[in-house]
Amino acid sequence: KTHLCFILLAAGVWAAPHTSSAAELLTLLERIYDSVTADMQNL
């Protein structure tokens, strides 16, 4: 059981940076969305 716990913990640590990266990207993207000006709407 100890080995299984370490494996699951390692998998969670590996996945965490990817999840936070995606969450951070989505947060920044929301700011970009809010800042799109009327001038850019012609693009």
ModelCIF file with pLDDT and N, C-alpha, C, O atoms, coordinates in Angstrom:
data_MODEL
#
_entry.id   MODEL 
#
_entity.id                         1 
_entity.type                       polymer 
_entity.pdbx_number_of_molecules   1 
#
_entity_poly.entity_id                      1 
_entity_poly.type                           'polypeptide(L)' 
_entity_poly.nstd_linkage                   no 
_entity_poly.nstd_monomer                   no 
_entity_poly.pdbx_seq_one_letter_code       KTHLCFILLAAGVWAAPHTSSAAELLTLLERIYDSVTADMQNL 
_entity_poly.pdbx_seq_one_letter_code_can   KTHLCFILLAAGVWAAPHTSSAAELLTLLERIYDSVTADMQNL 
_entity_poly.pdbx_strand_id                 A 
#
loop_
_entity_poly_seq.entity_id 
_entity_poly_seq.num 
_entity_poly_seq.mon_id 
_entity_poly_seq.hetero 
1 1  LYS n 
1 2  THR n 
1 3  HIS n 
1 4  LEU n 
1 5  CYS n 
1 6  PHE n 
1 7  ILE n 
1 8  LEU n 
1 9  LEU n 
1 10 ALA n 
1 11 ALA n 
1 12 GLY n 
1 13 VAL n 
1 14 TRP n 
1 15 ALA n 
1 16 ALA n 
1 17 PRO n 
1 18 HIS n 
1 19 THR n 
1 20 SER n 
1 21 SER n 
1 22 ALA n 
1 23 ALA n 
1 24 GLU n 
1 25 LEU n 
1 26 LEU n 
1 27 THR n 
1 28 LEU n 
1 29 LEU n 
1 30 GLU n 
1 31 ARG n 
1 32 ILE n 
1 33 TYR n 
1 34 ASP n 
1 35 SER n 
1 36 VAL n 
1 37 THR n 
1 38 ALA n 
1 39 ASP n 
1 40 MET n 
1 41 GLN n 
1 42 ASN n 
1 43 LEU n 
#
_struct_asym.id          A 
_struct_asym.entity_id   1 
#
loop_
_ma_qa_metric.id 
_ma_qa_metric.mode 
_ma_qa_metric.name 
_ma_qa_metric.software_group_id 
_ma_qa_metric.type 
1 global pLDDT . pLDDT 
2 local  pLDDT . pLDDT 
#
_ma_qa_metric_global.metric_id      1 
_ma_qa_metric_global.metric_value   67.09 
_ma_qa_metric_global.model_id       1 
_ma_qa_metric_global.ordinal_id     1 
#
loop_
_ma_qa_metric_local.label_asym_id 
_ma_qa_metric_local.label_comp_id 
_ma_qa_metric_local.label_seq_id 
_ma_qa_metric_local.metric_id 
_ma_qa_metric_local.metric_value 
_ma_qa_metric_local.model_id 
_ma_qa_metric_local.ordinal_id 
A LYS 1  2 47.00 1 1  
A THR 2  2 47.00 1 2  
A HIS 3  2 42.00 1 3  
A LEU 4  2 39.00 1 4  
A CYS 5  2 37.00 1 5  
A PHE 6  2 40.00 1 6  
A ILE 7  2 43.00 1 7  
A LEU 8  2 39.00 1 8  
A LEU 9  2 40.00 1 9  
A ALA 10 2 42.00 1 10 
A ALA 11 2 41.00 1 11 
A GLY 12 2 40.00 1 12 
A VAL 13 2 38.00 1 13 
A TRP 14 2 40.00 1 14 
A ALA 15 2 41.00 1 15 
A ALA 16 2 39.00 1 16 
A PRO 17 2 44.00 1 17 
A HIS 18 2 46.00 1 18 
A THR 19 2 48.00 1 19 
A SER 20 2 64.00 1 20 
A SER 21 2 83.00 1 21 
A ALA 22 2 87.00 1 22 
A ALA 23 2 90.00 1 23 
A GLU 24 2 92.00 1 24 
A LEU 25 2 92.00 1 25 
A LEU 26 2 94.00 1 26 
A THR 27 2 93.00 1 27 
A LEU 28 2 94.00 1 28 
A LEU 29 2 93.00 1 29 
A GLU 30 2 94.00 1 30 
A ARG 31 2 93.00 1 31 
A ILE 32 2 93.00 1 32 
A TYR 33 2 92.00 1 33 
A ASP 34 2 91.00 1 34 
A SER 35 2 88.00 1 35 
A VAL 36 2 86.00 1 36 
A THR 37 2 81.00 1 37 
A ALA 38 2 79.00 1 38 
A ASP 39 2 76.00 1 39 
A MET 40 2 83.00 1 40 
A GLN 41 2 79.00 1 41 
A ASN 42 2 86.00 1 42 
A LEU 43 2 89.00 1 43 
#
loop_
_atom_site.group_PDB 
_atom_site.id 
_atom_site.type_symbol 
_atom_site.label_atom_id 
_atom_site.label_alt_id 
_atom_site.label_comp_id 
_atom_site.label_asym_id 
_atom_site.label_entity_id 
_atom_site.label_seq_id 
_atom_site.pdbx_PDB_ins_code 
_atom_site.Cartn_x 
_atom_site.Cartn_y 
_atom_site.Cartn_z 
_atom_site.occupancy 
_atom_site.B_iso_or_equiv 
_atom_site.pdbx_formal_charge 
_atom_site.auth_seq_id 
_atom_site.auth_comp_id 
_atom_site.auth_asym_id 
_atom_site.auth_atom_id 
_atom_site.pdbx_PDB_model_num 
ATOM 1   N N  . LYS A 1 1  ? 0.828   -1.208 0.000   1.00 47.00 ? 1  LYS A N  1 
ATOM 2   C CA . LYS A 1 1  ? 0.000   0.000  0.000   1.00 47.00 ? 1  LYS A CA 1 
ATOM 3   C C  . LYS A 1 1  ? 0.862   1.257  0.000   1.00 47.00 ? 1  LYS A C  1 
ATOM 4   O O  . LYS A 1 1  ? 0.509   2.261  -0.620  1.00 47.00 ? 1  LYS A O  1 
ATOM 5   N N  . THR A 1 2  ? 1.993   1.197  0.698   1.00 47.00 ? 2  THR A N  1 
ATOM 6   C CA . THR A 1 2  ? 2.895   2.348  0.757   1.00 47.00 ? 2  THR A CA 1 
ATOM 7   C C  . THR A 1 2  ? 3.435   2.669  -0.629  1.00 47.00 ? 2  THR A C  1 
ATOM 8   O O  . THR A 1 2  ? 3.494   3.832  -1.028  1.00 47.00 ? 2  THR A O  1 
ATOM 9   N N  . HIS A 1 3  ? 3.830   1.628  -1.360  1.00 42.00 ? 3  HIS A N  1 
ATOM 10  C CA . HIS A 1 3  ? 4.341   1.840  -2.713  1.00 42.00 ? 3  HIS A CA 1 
ATOM 11  C C  . HIS A 1 3  ? 3.272   2.449  -3.615  1.00 42.00 ? 3  HIS A C  1 
ATOM 12  O O  . HIS A 1 3  ? 3.557   3.348  -4.407  1.00 42.00 ? 3  HIS A O  1 
ATOM 13  N N  . LEU A 1 4  ? 2.055   1.961  -3.494  1.00 39.00 ? 4  LEU A N  1 
ATOM 14  C CA . LEU A 1 4  ? 0.953   2.490  -4.292  1.00 39.00 ? 4  LEU A CA 1 
ATOM 15  C C  . LEU A 1 4  ? 0.708   3.959  -3.957  1.00 39.00 ? 4  LEU A C  1 
ATOM 16  O O  . LEU A 1 4  ? 0.462   4.766  -4.854  1.00 39.00 ? 4  LEU A O  1 
ATOM 17  N N  . CYS A 1 5  ? 0.772   4.310  -2.679  1.00 37.00 ? 5  CYS A N  1 
ATOM 18  C CA . CYS A 1 5  ? 0.582   5.709  -2.267  1.00 37.00 ? 5  CYS A CA 1 
ATOM 19  C C  . CYS A 1 5  ? 1.657   6.602  -2.868  1.00 37.00 ? 5  CYS A C  1 
ATOM 20  O O  . CYS A 1 5  ? 1.357   7.697  -3.343  1.00 37.00 ? 5  CYS A O  1 
ATOM 21  N N  . PHE A 1 6  ? 2.912   6.144  -2.852  1.00 40.00 ? 6  PHE A N  1 
ATOM 22  C CA . PHE A 1 6  ? 3.998   6.934  -3.438  1.00 40.00 ? 6  PHE A CA 1 
ATOM 23  C C  . PHE A 1 6  ? 3.813   7.105  -4.944  1.00 40.00 ? 6  PHE A C  1 
ATOM 24  O O  . PHE A 1 6  ? 4.085   8.174  -5.490  1.00 40.00 ? 6  PHE A O  1 
ATOM 25  N N  . ILE A 1 7  ? 3.358   6.067  -5.602  1.00 43.00 ? 7  ILE A N  1 
ATOM 26  C CA . ILE A 1 7  ? 3.136   6.148  -7.049  1.00 43.00 ? 7  ILE A CA 1 
ATOM 27  C C  . ILE A 1 7  ? 2.025   7.163  -7.345  1.00 43.00 ? 7  ILE A C  1 
ATOM 28  O O  . ILE A 1 7  ? 2.161   7.991  -8.246  1.00 43.00 ? 7  ILE A O  1 
ATOM 29  N N  . LEU A 1 8  ? 0.938   7.096  -6.593  1.00 39.00 ? 8  LEU A N  1 
ATOM 30  C CA . LEU A 1 8  ? -0.168  8.045  -6.801  1.00 39.00 ? 8  LEU A CA 1 
ATOM 31  C C  . LEU A 1 8  ? 0.267   9.472  -6.466  1.00 39.00 ? 8  LEU A C  1 
ATOM 32  O O  . LEU A 1 8  ? -0.111  10.417 -7.158  1.00 39.00 ? 8  LEU A O  1 
ATOM 33  N N  . LEU A 1 9  ? 1.056   9.622  -5.411  1.00 40.00 ? 9  LEU A N  1 
ATOM 34  C CA . LEU A 1 9  ? 1.548   10.942 -5.045  1.00 40.00 ? 9  LEU A CA 1 
ATOM 35  C C  . LEU A 1 9  ? 2.442   11.501 -6.153  1.00 40.00 ? 9  LEU A C  1 
ATOM 36  O O  . LEU A 1 9  ? 2.325   12.671 -6.517  1.00 40.00 ? 9  LEU A O  1 
ATOM 37  N N  . ALA A 1 10 ? 3.325   10.673 -6.681  1.00 42.00 ? 10 ALA A N  1 
ATOM 38  C CA . ALA A 1 10 ? 4.205   11.106 -7.768  1.00 42.00 ? 10 ALA A CA 1 
ATOM 39  C C  . ALA A 1 10 ? 3.400   11.494 -9.003  1.00 42.00 ? 10 ALA A C  1 
ATOM 40  O O  . ALA A 1 10 ? 3.716   12.482 -9.666  1.00 42.00 ? 10 ALA A O  1 
ATOM 41  N N  . ALA A 1 11 ? 2.373   10.729 -9.312  1.00 41.00 ? 11 ALA A N  1 
ATOM 42  C CA . ALA A 1 11 ? 1.531   11.048 -10.472 1.00 41.00 ? 11 ALA A CA 1 
ATOM 43  C C  . ALA A 1 11 ? 0.814   12.376 -10.264 1.00 41.00 ? 11 ALA A C  1 
ATOM 44  O O  . ALA A 1 11 ? 0.679   13.164 -11.200 1.00 41.00 ? 11 ALA A O  1 
ATOM 45  N N  . GLY A 1 12 ? 0.359   12.625 -9.054  1.00 40.00 ? 12 GLY A N  1 
ATOM 46  C CA . GLY A 1 12 ? -0.316  13.887 -8.750  1.00 40.00 ? 12 GLY A CA 1 
ATOM 47  C C  . GLY A 1 12 ? 0.622   15.078 -8.844  1.00 40.00 ? 12 GLY A C  1 
ATOM 48  O O  . GLY A 1 12 ? 0.235   16.136 -9.340  1.00 40.00 ? 12 GLY A O  1 
ATOM 49  N N  . VAL A 1 13 ? 1.842   14.916 -8.374  1.00 38.00 ? 13 VAL A N  1 
ATOM 50  C CA . VAL A 1 13 ? 2.835   15.987 -8.457  1.00 38.00 ? 13 VAL A CA 1 
ATOM 51  C C  . VAL A 1 13 ? 3.180   16.265 -9.909  1.00 38.00 ? 13 VAL A C  1 
ATOM 52  O O  . VAL A 1 13 ? 3.354   17.421 -10.294 1.00 38.00 ? 13 VAL A O  1 
ATOM 53  N N  . TRP A 1 14 ? 3.282   15.218 -10.719 1.00 40.00 ? 14 TRP A N  1 
ATOM 54  C CA . TRP A 1 14 ? 3.586   15.407 -12.138 1.00 40.00 ? 14 TRP A CA 1 
ATOM 55  C C  . TRP A 1 14 ? 2.455   16.140 -12.849 1.00 40.00 ? 14 TRP A C  1 
ATOM 56  O O  . TRP A 1 14 ? 2.709   16.991 -13.702 1.00 40.00 ? 14 TRP A O  1 
ATOM 57  N N  . ALA A 1 15 ? 1.214   15.819 -12.509 1.00 41.00 ? 15 ALA A N  1 
ATOM 58  C CA . ALA A 1 15 ? 0.062   16.421 -13.194 1.00 41.00 ? 15 ALA A CA 1 
ATOM 59  C C  . ALA A 1 15 ? -0.186  17.858 -12.740 1.00 41.00 ? 15 ALA A C  1 
ATOM 60  O O  . ALA A 1 15 ? -0.729  18.658 -13.502 1.00 41.00 ? 15 ALA A O  1 
ATOM 61  N N  . ALA A 1 16 ? 0.200   18.192 -11.522 1.00 39.00 ? 16 ALA A N  1 
ATOM 62  C CA . ALA A 1 16 ? -0.100  19.514 -10.964 1.00 39.00 ? 16 ALA A CA 1 
ATOM 63  C C  . ALA A 1 16 ? 0.441   20.675 -11.806 1.00 39.00 ? 16 ALA A C  1 
ATOM 64  O O  . ALA A 1 16 ? -0.301  21.627 -12.044 1.00 39.00 ? 16 ALA A O  1 
ATOM 65  N N  . PRO A 1 17 ? 1.705   20.643 -12.270 1.00 44.00 ? 17 PRO A N  1 
ATOM 66  C CA . PRO A 1 17 ? 2.169   21.785 -13.074 1.00 44.00 ? 17 PRO A CA 1 
ATOM 67  C C  . PRO A 1 17 ? 1.378   21.968 -14.359 1.00 44.00 ? 17 PRO A C  1 
ATOM 68  O O  . PRO A 1 17 ? 1.151   23.099 -14.786 1.00 44.00 ? 17 PRO A O  1 
ATOM 69  N N  . HIS A 1 18 ? 0.956   20.873 -14.983 1.00 46.00 ? 18 HIS A N  1 
ATOM 70  C CA . HIS A 1 18 ? 0.180   20.990 -16.216 1.00 46.00 ? 18 HIS A CA 1 
ATOM 71  C C  . HIS A 1 18 ? -1.179  21.611 -15.936 1.00 46.00 ? 18 HIS A C  1 
ATOM 72  O O  . HIS A 1 18 ? -1.660  22.443 -16.705 1.00 46.00 ? 18 HIS A O  1 
ATOM 73  N N  . THR A 1 19 ? -1.795  21.205 -14.836 1.00 48.00 ? 19 THR A N  1 
ATOM 74  C CA . THR A 1 19 ? -3.098  21.739 -14.481 1.00 48.00 ? 19 THR A CA 1 
ATOM 75  C C  . THR A 1 19 ? -2.991  23.222 -14.158 1.00 48.00 ? 19 THR A C  1 
ATOM 76  O O  . THR A 1 19 ? -3.801  24.024 -14.621 1.00 48.00 ? 19 THR A O  1 
ATOM 77  N N  . SER A 1 20 ? -1.980  23.588 -13.355 1.00 64.00 ? 20 SER A N  1 
ATOM 78  C CA . SER A 1 20 ? -1.841  24.997 -12.994 1.00 64.00 ? 20 SER A CA 1 
ATOM 79  C C  . SER A 1 20 ? -1.474  25.829 -14.220 1.00 64.00 ? 20 SER A C  1 
ATOM 80  O O  . SER A 1 20 ? -1.907  26.974 -14.342 1.00 64.00 ? 20 SER A O  1 
ATOM 81  N N  . SER A 1 21 ? -0.684  25.265 -15.125 1.00 83.00 ? 21 SER A N  1 
ATOM 82  C CA . SER A 1 21 ? -0.330  25.987 -16.349 1.00 83.00 ? 21 SER A CA 1 
ATOM 83  C C  . SER A 1 21 ? -1.582  26.279 -17.166 1.00 83.00 ? 21 SER A C  1 
ATOM 84  O O  . SER A 1 21 ? -1.758  27.395 -17.657 1.00 83.00 ? 21 SER A O  1 
ATOM 85  N N  . ALA A 1 22 ? -2.448  25.287 -17.314 1.00 87.00 ? 22 ALA A N  1 
ATOM 86  C CA . ALA A 1 22 ? -3.682  25.486 -18.067 1.00 87.00 ? 22 ALA A CA 1 
ATOM 87  C C  . ALA A 1 22 ? -4.571  26.502 -17.365 1.00 87.00 ? 22 ALA A C  1 
ATOM 88  O O  . ALA A 1 22 ? -5.160  27.365 -18.016 1.00 87.00 ? 22 ALA A O  1 
ATOM 89  N N  . ALA A 1 23 ? -4.674  26.409 -16.043 1.00 90.00 ? 23 ALA A N  1 
ATOM 90  C CA . ALA A 1 23 ? -5.507  27.354 -15.298 1.00 90.00 ? 23 ALA A CA 1 
ATOM 91  C C  . ALA A 1 23 ? -4.954  28.772 -15.424 1.00 90.00 ? 23 ALA A C  1 
ATOM 92  O O  . ALA A 1 23 ? -5.711  29.732 -15.570 1.00 90.00 ? 23 ALA A O  1 
ATOM 93  N N  . GLU A 1 24 ? -3.640  28.893 -15.367 1.00 92.00 ? 24 GLU A N  1 
ATOM 94  C CA . GLU A 1 24 ? -3.013  30.200 -15.507 1.00 92.00 ? 24 GLU A CA 1 
ATOM 95  C C  . GLU A 1 24 ? -3.240  30.765 -16.909 1.00 92.00 ? 24 GLU A C  1 
ATOM 96  O O  . GLU A 1 24 ? -3.526  31.952 -17.067 1.00 92.00 ? 24 GLU A O  1 
ATOM 97  N N  . LEU A 1 25 ? -3.112  29.910 -17.923 1.00 92.00 ? 25 LEU A N  1 
ATOM 98  C CA . LEU A 1 25 ? -3.371  30.341 -19.296 1.00 92.00 ? 25 LEU A CA 1 
ATOM 99  C C  . LEU A 1 25 ? -4.802  30.822 -19.453 1.00 92.00 ? 25 LEU A C  1 
ATOM 100 O O  . LEU A 1 25 ? -5.049  31.850 -20.082 1.00 92.00 ? 25 LEU A O  1 
ATOM 101 N N  . LEU A 1 26 ? -5.744  30.084 -18.885 1.00 94.00 ? 26 LEU A N  1 
ATOM 102 C CA . LEU A 1 26 ? -7.155  30.462 -19.003 1.00 94.00 ? 26 LEU A CA 1 
ATOM 103 C C  . LEU A 1 26 ? -7.438  31.789 -18.304 1.00 94.00 ? 26 LEU A C  1 
ATOM 104 O O  . LEU A 1 26 ? -8.239  32.591 -18.785 1.00 94.00 ? 26 LEU A O  1 
ATOM 105 N N  . THR A 1 27 ? -6.783  32.019 -17.177 1.00 93.00 ? 27 THR A N  1 
ATOM 106 C CA . THR A 1 27 ? -6.956  33.289 -16.464 1.00 93.00 ? 27 THR A CA 1 
ATOM 107 C C  . THR A 1 27 ? -6.423  34.451 -17.305 1.00 93.00 ? 27 THR A C  1 
ATOM 108 O O  . THR A 1 27 ? -7.080  35.482 -17.446 1.00 93.00 ? 27 THR A O  1 
ATOM 109 N N  . LEU A 1 28 ? -5.221  34.267 -17.861 1.00 94.00 ? 28 LEU A N  1 
ATOM 110 C CA . LEU A 1 28 ? -4.652  35.313 -18.709 1.00 94.00 ? 28 LEU A CA 1 
ATOM 111 C C  . LEU A 1 28 ? -5.501  35.526 -19.959 1.00 94.00 ? 28 LEU A C  1 
ATOM 112 O O  . LEU A 1 28 ? -5.683  36.658 -20.409 1.00 94.00 ? 28 LEU A O  1 
ATOM 113 N N  . LEU A 1 29 ? -6.011  34.448 -20.509 1.00 93.00 ? 29 LEU A N  1 
ATOM 114 C CA . LEU A 1 29 ? -6.837  34.537 -21.712 1.00 93.00 ? 29 LEU A CA 1 
ATOM 115 C C  . LEU A 1 29 ? -8.136  35.289 -21.429 1.00 93.00 ? 29 LEU A C  1 
ATOM 116 O O  . LEU A 1 29 ? -8.646  36.003 -22.292 1.00 93.00 ? 29 LEU A O  1 
ATOM 117 N N  . GLU A 1 30 ? -8.660  35.130 -20.235 1.00 94.00 ? 30 GLU A N  1 
ATOM 118 C CA . GLU A 1 30 ? -9.867  35.879 -19.856 1.00 94.00 ? 30 GLU A CA 1 
ATOM 119 C C  . GLU A 1 30 ? -9.570  37.386 -19.835 1.00 94.00 ? 30 GLU A C  1 
ATOM 120 O O  . GLU A 1 30 ? -10.408 38.195 -20.235 1.00 94.00 ? 30 GLU A O  1 
ATOM 121 N N  . ARG A 1 31 ? -8.385  37.748 -19.371 1.00 93.00 ? 31 ARG A N  1 
ATOM 122 C CA . ARG A 1 31 ? -7.991  39.167 -19.364 1.00 93.00 ? 31 ARG A CA 1 
ATOM 123 C C  . ARG A 1 31 ? -7.856  39.692 -20.795 1.00 93.00 ? 31 ARG A C  1 
ATOM 124 O O  . ARG A 1 31 ? -8.253  40.819 -21.094 1.00 93.00 ? 31 ARG A O  1 
ATOM 125 N N  . ILE A 1 32 ? -7.295  38.868 -21.667 1.00 93.00 ? 32 ILE A N  1 
ATOM 126 C CA . ILE A 1 32 ? -7.175  39.274 -23.072 1.00 93.00 ? 32 ILE A CA 1 
ATOM 127 C C  . ILE A 1 32 ? -8.563  39.477 -23.657 1.00 93.00 ? 32 ILE A C  1 
ATOM 128 O O  . ILE A 1 32 ? -8.814  40.470 -24.339 1.00 93.00 ? 32 ILE A O  1 
ATOM 129 N N  . TYR A 1 33 ? -9.460  38.541 -23.393 1.00 92.00 ? 33 TYR A N  1 
ATOM 130 C CA . TYR A 1 33 ? -10.836 38.620 -23.890 1.00 92.00 ? 33 TYR A CA 1 
ATOM 131 C C  . TYR A 1 33 ? -11.478 39.941 -23.455 1.00 92.00 ? 33 TYR A C  1 
ATOM 132 O O  . TYR A 1 33 ? -12.115 40.623 -24.257 1.00 92.00 ? 33 TYR A O  1 
ATOM 133 N N  . ASP A 1 34 ? -11.304 40.292 -22.186 1.00 91.00 ? 34 ASP A N  1 
ATOM 134 C CA . ASP A 1 34 ? -11.906 41.518 -21.654 1.00 91.00 ? 34 ASP A CA 1 
ATOM 135 C C  . ASP A 1 34 ? -11.290 42.778 -22.248 1.00 91.00 ? 34 ASP A C  1 
ATOM 136 O O  . ASP A 1 34 ? -11.926 43.833 -22.264 1.00 91.00 ? 34 ASP A O  1 
ATOM 137 N N  . SER A 1 35 ? -10.055 42.676 -22.736 1.00 88.00 ? 35 SER A N  1 
ATOM 138 C CA . SER A 1 35 ? -9.381  43.872 -23.239 1.00 88.00 ? 35 SER A CA 1 
ATOM 139 C C  . SER A 1 35 ? -9.510  44.072 -24.746 1.00 88.00 ? 35 SER A C  1 
ATOM 140 O O  . SER A 1 35 ? -9.029  45.070 -25.282 1.00 88.00 ? 35 SER A O  1 
ATOM 141 N N  . VAL A 1 36 ? -10.155 43.134 -25.431 1.00 86.00 ? 36 VAL A N  1 
ATOM 142 C CA . VAL A 1 36 ? -10.303 43.280 -26.888 1.00 86.00 ? 36 VAL A CA 1 
ATOM 143 C C  . VAL A 1 36 ? -11.110 44.546 -27.166 1.00 86.00 ? 36 VAL A C  1 
ATOM 144 O O  . VAL A 1 36 ? -12.238 44.702 -26.698 1.00 86.00 ? 36 VAL A O  1 
ATOM 145 N N  . THR A 1 37 ? -10.511 45.432 -27.929 1.00 81.00 ? 37 THR A N  1 
ATOM 146 C CA . THR A 1 37 ? -11.129 46.730 -28.194 1.00 81.00 ? 37 THR A CA 1 
ATOM 147 C C  . THR A 1 37 ? -12.013 46.669 -29.440 1.00 81.00 ? 37 THR A C  1 
ATOM 148 O O  . THR A 1 37 ? -11.988 45.703 -30.202 1.00 81.00 ? 37 THR A O  1 
ATOM 149 N N  . ALA A 1 38 ? -12.779 47.714 -29.614 1.00 79.00 ? 38 ALA A N  1 
ATOM 150 C CA . ALA A 1 38 ? -13.645 47.796 -30.793 1.00 79.00 ? 38 ALA A CA 1 
ATOM 151 C C  . ALA A 1 38 ? -12.811 47.810 -32.074 1.00 79.00 ? 38 ALA A C  1 
ATOM 152 O O  . ALA A 1 38 ? -13.235 47.273 -33.097 1.00 79.00 ? 38 ALA A O  1 
ATOM 153 N N  . ASP A 1 39 ? -11.629 48.421 -32.019 1.00 76.00 ? 39 ASP A N  1 
ATOM 154 C CA . ASP A 1 39 ? -10.750 48.452 -33.193 1.00 76.00 ? 39 ASP A CA 1 
ATOM 155 C C  . ASP A 1 39 ? -10.372 47.046 -33.641 1.00 76.00 ? 39 ASP A C  1 
ATOM 156 O O  . ASP A 1 39 ? -10.279 46.770 -34.837 1.00 76.00 ? 39 ASP A O  1 
ATOM 157 N N  . MET A 1 40 ? -10.156 46.164 -32.678 1.00 83.00 ? 40 MET A N  1 
ATOM 158 C CA . MET A 1 40 ? -9.756  44.791 -33.017 1.00 83.00 ? 40 MET A CA 1 
ATOM 159 C C  . MET A 1 40 ? -10.925 43.974 -33.564 1.00 83.00 ? 40 MET A C  1 
ATOM 160 O O  . MET A 1 40 ? -10.703 42.936 -34.187 1.00 83.00 ? 40 MET A O  1 
ATOM 161 N N  . GLN A 1 41 ? -12.135 44.408 -33.349 1.00 79.00 ? 41 GLN A N  1 
ATOM 162 C CA . GLN A 1 41 ? -13.285 43.640 -33.809 1.00 79.00 ? 41 GLN A CA 1 
ATOM 163 C C  . GLN A 1 41 ? -13.368 43.588 -35.331 1.00 79.00 ? 41 GLN A C  1 
ATOM 164 O O  . GLN A 1 41 ? -14.108 42.772 -35.881 1.00 79.00 ? 41 GLN A O  1 
ATOM 165 N N  . ASN A 1 42 ? -12.620 44.448 -36.018 1.00 86.00 ? 42 ASN A N  1 
ATOM 166 C CA . ASN A 1 42 ? -12.575 44.393 -37.477 1.00 86.00 ? 42 ASN A CA 1 
ATOM 167 C C  . ASN A 1 42 ? -11.668 43.272 -37.964 1.00 86.00 ? 42 ASN A C  1 
ATOM 168 O O  . ASN A 1 42 ? -11.770 42.837 -39.112 1.00 86.00 ? 42 ASN A O  1 
ATOM 169 N N  . LEU A 1 43 ? -10.781 42.804 -37.089 1.00 89.00 ? 43 LEU A N  1 
ATOM 170 C CA . LEU A 1 43 ? -9.879  41.704 -37.415 1.00 89.00 ? 43 LEU A CA 1 
ATOM 171 C C  . LEU A 1 43 ? -10.671 40.402 -37.512 1.00 89.00 ? 43 LEU A C  1 
ATOM 172 O O  . LEU A 1 43 ? -10.096 39.347 -37.780 1.00 89.00 ? 43 LEU A O  1 
#
